[in-house]
Amino acid sequence: PSTAEDLMARLDALPSFILIGVCAPALCEHADIRELVWPRYTAGFLLLEFVLPPPEPWEFQARELALWSDLHLDFVIAGVCSC
């Protein structure tokens, strides 16, 4: 189990600014990604056994990078964290 000291060590090791790509369903609105997707993704990334609270709106930005339909692929094998 994660201890408070373990959590603080992991958080202290993070940079103050994180730029990362996350695939989310097209149905997700910006608020859904900030409130649901990002906290769960980040907790999994940090190997935490609980979900983090969502960032404040001023701390978070999400934008669409591309649509799957824009990519000319014959097939895709995709998965994140055993998904």
N, C-alpha and C. Protein backbone atom coordinates (compact mmCIF):
# COMPACT_ATOMS: atom_id res chain seq x y z
N PRO A 1 0.82 -1.20 0.00
CA PRO A 1 0.00 0.00 0.00
C PRO A 1 0.86 1.26 0.00
N SER A 2 0.36 2.31 -0.61
CA SER A 2 1.06 3.58 -0.64
C SER A 2 0.96 4.25 0.72
N THR A 3 2.07 4.75 1.20
CA THR A 3 2.08 5.51 2.44
C THR A 3 2.10 6.99 2.11
N ALA A 4 1.87 7.82 3.11
CA ALA A 4 1.90 9.26 2.89
C ALA A 4 3.29 9.70 2.45
N GLU A 5 4.32 9.10 3.03
CA GLU A 5 5.69 9.45 2.66
C GLU A 5 5.98 9.05 1.22
N ASP A 6 5.50 7.87 0.84
CA ASP A 6 5.69 7.39 -0.53
C ASP A 6 5.00 8.33 -1.52
N LEU A 7 3.78 8.74 -1.20
CA LEU A 7 3.04 9.65 -2.06
C LEU A 7 3.78 10.98 -2.20
N MET A 8 4.24 11.53 -1.10
CA MET A 8 4.95 12.81 -1.15
C MET A 8 6.23 12.69 -1.98
N ALA A 9 6.94 11.57 -1.85
CA ALA A 9 8.16 11.38 -2.64
C ALA A 9 7.84 11.34 -4.13
N ARG A 10 6.76 10.66 -4.49
CA ARG A 10 6.36 10.60 -5.90
C ARG A 10 5.94 11.96 -6.42
N LEU A 11 5.18 12.70 -5.63
CA LEU A 11 4.72 14.02 -6.06
C LEU A 11 5.89 15.00 -6.15
N ASP A 12 6.81 14.92 -5.21
CA ASP A 12 7.98 15.81 -5.24
C ASP A 12 8.86 15.55 -6.45
N ALA A 13 8.83 14.31 -6.96
CA ALA A 13 9.66 13.96 -8.11
C ALA A 13 9.07 14.46 -9.43
N LEU A 14 7.80 14.87 -9.41
CA LEU A 14 7.16 15.35 -10.63
C LEU A 14 7.61 16.76 -10.97
N PRO A 15 7.70 17.05 -12.27
CA PRO A 15 7.97 18.44 -12.66
C PRO A 15 6.75 19.30 -12.38
N SER A 16 6.95 20.60 -12.34
CA SER A 16 5.83 21.51 -12.07
C SER A 16 4.87 21.61 -13.25
N PHE A 17 5.32 21.19 -14.44
CA PHE A 17 4.50 21.26 -15.64
C PHE A 17 4.58 19.90 -16.34
N ILE A 18 3.43 19.30 -16.62
CA ILE A 18 3.39 18.00 -17.28
C ILE A 18 2.66 18.14 -18.60
N LEU A 19 3.31 17.76 -19.67
CA LEU A 19 2.70 17.76 -21.00
C LEU A 19 2.67 16.30 -21.45
N ILE A 20 1.48 15.76 -21.63
CA ILE A 20 1.35 14.34 -21.93
C ILE A 20 0.13 14.13 -22.82
N GLY A 21 0.19 13.10 -23.61
CA GLY A 21 -0.94 12.74 -24.45
C GLY A 21 -1.74 11.61 -23.84
N VAL A 22 -3.03 11.75 -23.85
CA VAL A 22 -3.94 10.74 -23.32
C VAL A 22 -5.06 10.55 -24.33
N CYS A 23 -5.34 9.32 -24.68
CA CYS A 23 -6.48 9.05 -25.56
C CYS A 23 -7.74 8.99 -24.71
N ALA A 24 -8.75 9.72 -25.13
CA ALA A 24 -10.04 9.71 -24.45
C ALA A 24 -11.13 9.59 -25.51
N PRO A 25 -12.25 8.98 -25.15
CA PRO A 25 -13.34 8.86 -26.12
C PRO A 25 -13.81 10.21 -26.63
N ALA A 26 -14.23 10.24 -27.86
CA ALA A 26 -14.70 11.49 -28.47
C ALA A 26 -15.90 12.07 -27.73
N LEU A 27 -16.63 11.24 -27.02
CA LEU A 27 -17.79 11.71 -26.26
C LEU A 27 -17.39 12.56 -25.06
N CYS A 28 -16.14 12.44 -24.61
CA CYS A 28 -15.69 13.17 -23.43
C CYS A 28 -15.58 14.66 -23.71
N GLU A 29 -16.18 15.43 -22.87
CA GLU A 29 -16.03 16.89 -22.92
C GLU A 29 -14.78 17.26 -22.11
N HIS A 30 -14.33 18.50 -22.25
CA HIS A 30 -13.15 18.98 -21.52
C HIS A 30 -13.29 18.72 -20.02
N ALA A 31 -14.46 19.02 -19.45
CA ALA A 31 -14.68 18.82 -18.01
C ALA A 31 -14.59 17.34 -17.64
N ASP A 32 -15.08 16.44 -18.50
CA ASP A 32 -15.00 15.01 -18.23
C ASP A 32 -13.55 14.55 -18.15
N ILE A 33 -12.73 15.06 -19.05
CA ILE A 33 -11.32 14.67 -19.07
C ILE A 33 -10.63 15.20 -17.82
N ARG A 34 -10.89 16.44 -17.45
CA ARG A 34 -10.27 17.04 -16.26
C ARG A 34 -10.74 16.35 -14.98
N GLU A 35 -12.03 16.06 -14.88
CA GLU A 35 -12.60 15.55 -13.63
C GLU A 35 -12.52 14.04 -13.49
N LEU A 36 -12.52 13.30 -14.60
CA LEU A 36 -12.56 11.84 -14.52
C LEU A 36 -11.32 11.15 -15.09
N VAL A 37 -11.00 11.47 -16.33
CA VAL A 37 -9.93 10.76 -17.03
C VAL A 37 -8.57 11.09 -16.44
N TRP A 38 -8.24 12.37 -16.33
CA TRP A 38 -6.91 12.77 -15.88
C TRP A 38 -6.59 12.29 -14.45
N PRO A 39 -7.48 12.44 -13.46
CA PRO A 39 -7.14 11.96 -12.12
C PRO A 39 -6.87 10.45 -12.07
N ARG A 40 -7.65 9.68 -12.81
CA ARG A 40 -7.44 8.22 -12.81
C ARG A 40 -6.15 7.86 -13.56
N TYR A 41 -5.92 8.52 -14.68
CA TYR A 41 -4.71 8.25 -15.46
C TYR A 41 -3.46 8.60 -14.64
N THR A 42 -3.48 9.76 -14.02
CA THR A 42 -2.32 10.20 -13.25
C THR A 42 -2.07 9.29 -12.05
N ALA A 43 -3.13 8.88 -11.38
CA ALA A 43 -2.97 7.96 -10.25
C ALA A 43 -2.36 6.64 -10.71
N GLY A 44 -2.80 6.13 -11.85
CA GLY A 44 -2.22 4.90 -12.39
C GLY A 44 -0.77 5.09 -12.77
N PHE A 45 -0.45 6.23 -13.36
CA PHE A 45 0.92 6.55 -13.76
C PHE A 45 1.85 6.59 -12.54
N LEU A 46 1.34 7.12 -11.43
CA LEU A 46 2.13 7.22 -10.20
C LEU A 46 2.06 5.95 -9.35
N LEU A 47 1.36 4.94 -9.86
CA LEU A 47 1.20 3.66 -9.15
C LEU A 47 0.51 3.83 -7.80
N LEU A 48 -0.46 4.72 -7.75
CA LEU A 48 -1.21 4.95 -6.53
C LEU A 48 -2.39 3.99 -6.49
N GLU A 49 -2.84 3.68 -5.31
CA GLU A 49 -3.97 2.77 -5.13
C GLU A 49 -5.27 3.52 -4.87
N PHE A 50 -5.29 4.80 -5.21
CA PHE A 50 -6.49 5.62 -5.05
C PHE A 50 -6.51 6.65 -6.17
N VAL A 51 -7.68 7.21 -6.40
CA VAL A 51 -7.84 8.22 -7.45
C VAL A 51 -7.52 9.60 -6.88
N LEU A 52 -6.79 10.38 -7.62
CA LEU A 52 -6.45 11.73 -7.20
C LEU A 52 -7.62 12.67 -7.43
N PRO A 53 -7.67 13.78 -6.70
CA PRO A 53 -8.70 14.79 -7.00
C PRO A 53 -8.39 15.46 -8.33
N PRO A 54 -9.40 15.98 -9.00
CA PRO A 54 -9.14 16.64 -10.28
C PRO A 54 -8.39 17.94 -10.07
N PRO A 55 -7.60 18.34 -11.08
CA PRO A 55 -6.92 19.63 -10.99
C PRO A 55 -7.95 20.76 -11.10
N GLU A 56 -7.55 21.90 -10.62
CA GLU A 56 -8.41 23.09 -10.78
C GLU A 56 -8.48 23.44 -12.26
N PRO A 57 -9.56 24.06 -12.71
CA PRO A 57 -9.68 24.41 -14.13
C PRO A 57 -8.50 25.23 -14.65
N TRP A 58 -7.95 26.13 -13.84
CA TRP A 58 -6.83 26.97 -14.29
C TRP A 58 -5.52 26.18 -14.35
N GLU A 59 -5.49 24.96 -13.77
CA GLU A 59 -4.29 24.13 -13.79
C GLU A 59 -4.27 23.13 -14.94
N PHE A 60 -5.33 23.07 -15.71
CA PHE A 60 -5.51 21.98 -16.66
C PHE A 60 -5.94 22.49 -18.03
N GLN A 61 -5.36 21.90 -19.06
CA GLN A 61 -5.77 22.22 -20.43
C GLN A 61 -5.81 20.92 -21.23
N ALA A 62 -6.88 20.72 -21.94
CA ALA A 62 -7.00 19.56 -22.82
C ALA A 62 -7.38 20.07 -24.20
N ARG A 63 -6.80 19.44 -25.21
CA ARG A 63 -7.17 19.82 -26.57
C ARG A 63 -7.07 18.58 -27.46
N GLU A 64 -7.89 18.59 -28.47
CA GLU A 64 -7.89 17.48 -29.41
C GLU A 64 -6.69 17.61 -30.34
N LEU A 65 -5.92 16.55 -30.42
CA LEU A 65 -4.75 16.56 -31.29
C LEU A 65 -5.08 16.03 -32.68
N ALA A 66 -5.87 14.97 -32.72
CA ALA A 66 -6.23 14.37 -34.01
C ALA A 66 -7.41 13.44 -33.81
N LEU A 67 -8.10 13.20 -34.88
CA LEU A 67 -9.17 12.20 -34.88
C LEU A 67 -8.62 10.90 -35.43
N TRP A 68 -9.11 9.78 -34.93
CA TRP A 68 -8.66 8.49 -35.47
C TRP A 68 -8.95 8.43 -36.97
N SER A 69 -10.04 9.05 -37.39
CA SER A 69 -10.40 9.02 -38.81
C SER A 69 -9.40 9.80 -39.67
N ASP A 70 -8.61 10.68 -39.06
CA ASP A 70 -7.59 11.42 -39.81
C ASP A 70 -6.37 10.56 -40.12
N LEU A 71 -6.21 9.49 -39.38
CA LEU A 71 -5.06 8.60 -39.58
C LEU A 71 -5.42 7.51 -40.59
N HIS A 72 -4.53 7.27 -41.50
CA HIS A 72 -4.76 6.26 -42.53
C HIS A 72 -4.09 4.95 -42.09
N LEU A 73 -4.82 4.19 -41.27
CA LEU A 73 -4.30 2.95 -40.70
C LEU A 73 -5.18 1.79 -41.13
N ASP A 74 -4.55 0.65 -41.37
CA ASP A 74 -5.30 -0.56 -41.68
C ASP A 74 -5.83 -1.21 -40.43
N PHE A 75 -5.06 -1.11 -39.33
CA PHE A 75 -5.49 -1.67 -38.05
C PHE A 75 -4.71 -0.98 -36.93
N VAL A 76 -5.21 -1.12 -35.72
CA VAL A 76 -4.57 -0.54 -34.53
C VAL A 76 -4.62 -1.55 -33.41
N ILE A 77 -3.51 -1.72 -32.74
CA ILE A 77 -3.47 -2.49 -31.51
C ILE A 77 -3.17 -1.46 -30.42
N ALA A 78 -4.15 -1.20 -29.58
CA ALA A 78 -3.99 -0.15 -28.57
C ALA A 78 -4.32 -0.69 -27.19
N GLY A 79 -3.65 -0.18 -26.21
CA GLY A 79 -3.93 -0.57 -24.83
C GLY A 79 -3.07 0.24 -23.89
N VAL A 80 -3.64 0.55 -22.74
CA VAL A 80 -2.92 1.28 -21.72
C VAL A 80 -3.19 0.60 -20.37
N CYS A 81 -2.13 0.26 -19.68
CA CYS A 81 -2.25 -0.33 -18.34
C CYS A 81 -3.22 -1.51 -18.31
N SER A 82 -2.98 -2.48 -19.17
CA SER A 82 -3.78 -3.70 -19.23
C SER A 82 -5.20 -3.48 -19.71
N CYS A 83 -5.46 -2.36 -20.34
CA CYS A 83 -6.80 -2.08 -20.84
C CYS A 83 -6.95 -2.64 -22.25
